Amino acid sequence: MHDPDSTDFTVNEIILQPAISEAKYSFRRKFAYDNNLFLVAGEVIARVSKMRWEDFVEQRNFKAVGYEKQRCILLRL
């Protein structure tokens, strides 16, 4: 789920980053959006399901609704 060429950080470093950084606002005081949390969610899916995120999406989403030819492919540039 993670493109290793897009950053110098590992997936684990990105996951742990919110735990070591100071929040700009107190919890629920102000809306904050963070793309890295989508990476965290994908990693949680991969670890819990014991399958790659791409395979999970294909099996649990695409095939579950009858899409047999769709694929979830992340290109490595």
Protein backbone atom coordinates (compact mmCIF):
# COMPACT_ATOMS: atom_id res chain seq x y z
CA MET A 1 0.00 0.00 0.00
CA HIS A 2 2.94 2.29 0.42
CA ASP A 3 5.08 3.63 -2.41
CA PRO A 4 8.60 3.42 -0.99
CA ASP A 5 9.91 5.98 -3.46
CA SER A 6 7.55 8.72 -2.28
CA THR A 7 9.31 9.34 1.04
CA ASP A 8 12.43 8.51 2.99
CA PHE A 9 10.32 7.22 5.90
CA THR A 10 9.31 3.60 6.42
CA VAL A 11 5.69 2.60 6.97
CA ASN A 12 6.45 1.95 10.65
CA GLU A 13 8.02 5.41 11.03
CA ILE A 14 4.94 7.03 9.49
CA ILE A 15 2.64 5.00 11.77
CA LEU A 16 4.59 6.00 14.89
CA GLN A 17 4.98 9.67 13.93
CA PRO A 18 1.67 10.89 15.43
CA ALA A 19 2.61 9.31 18.76
CA ILE A 20 5.84 11.33 19.01
CA SER A 21 4.71 14.64 17.52
CA GLU A 22 2.86 17.35 19.35
CA ALA A 23 -0.70 18.07 18.22
CA LYS A 24 -1.49 21.58 17.00
CA TYR A 25 -4.89 21.51 18.68
CA SER A 26 -6.45 19.58 21.52
CA PHE A 27 -8.51 16.51 20.63
CA ARG A 28 -11.81 17.44 18.91
CA ARG A 29 -11.12 21.16 19.22
CA LYS A 30 -10.57 21.63 15.50
CA PHE A 31 -10.87 19.46 12.38
CA ALA A 32 -7.58 18.04 11.14
CA TYR A 33 -7.07 15.97 7.99
CA ASP A 34 -4.12 13.67 7.50
CA ASN A 35 -3.45 11.43 4.47
CA ASN A 36 -1.05 9.35 6.54
CA LEU A 37 -3.97 7.95 8.49
CA PHE A 38 -5.14 6.22 5.30
CA LEU A 39 -1.75 4.53 5.16
CA VAL A 40 -2.21 3.50 8.79
CA ALA A 41 -5.66 2.09 8.03
CA GLY A 42 -4.26 0.08 5.11
CA GLU A 43 -1.48 -1.28 7.29
CA VAL A 44 -3.98 -2.28 9.99
CA ILE A 45 -6.01 -4.15 7.36
CA ALA A 46 -2.88 -5.92 6.09
CA ARG A 47 -1.72 -6.96 9.56
CA VAL A 48 -5.12 -8.11 10.83
CA SER A 49 -6.17 -9.93 7.65
CA LYS A 50 -2.69 -11.42 7.06
CA MET A 51 -2.90 -10.47 3.38
CA ARG A 52 -1.64 -7.60 1.28
CA TRP A 53 -3.94 -4.57 1.25
CA GLU A 54 -4.39 -4.91 -2.51
CA ASP A 55 -5.51 -8.55 -2.16
CA PHE A 56 -7.88 -7.64 0.67
CA VAL A 57 -9.56 -4.92 -1.40
CA GLU A 58 -9.93 -7.25 -4.38
CA GLN A 59 -11.41 -10.11 -2.34
CA ARG A 60 -13.52 -8.24 0.21
CA ASN A 61 -14.69 -5.33 -1.95
CA PHE A 62 -14.53 -6.14 -5.66
CA LYS A 63 -15.41 -9.84 -5.62
CA ALA A 64 -18.01 -9.35 -2.88
CA VAL A 65 -20.10 -7.21 -5.24
CA GLY A 66 -19.48 -9.36 -8.32
CA TYR A 67 -16.56 -7.54 -9.94
CA GLU A 68 -14.42 -10.39 -11.25
CA LYS A 69 -12.00 -8.55 -13.56
CA GLN A 70 -11.14 -5.48 -11.47
CA ARG A 71 -7.72 -5.30 -9.84
CA CYS A 72 -6.19 -3.10 -7.21
CA ILE A 73 -2.68 -2.33 -8.42
CA LEU A 74 -0.26 0.14 -6.92
CA LEU A 75 2.41 1.10 -9.41
CA ARG A 76 6.01 1.25 -8.25
CA LEU A 77 7.60 4.11 -10.20
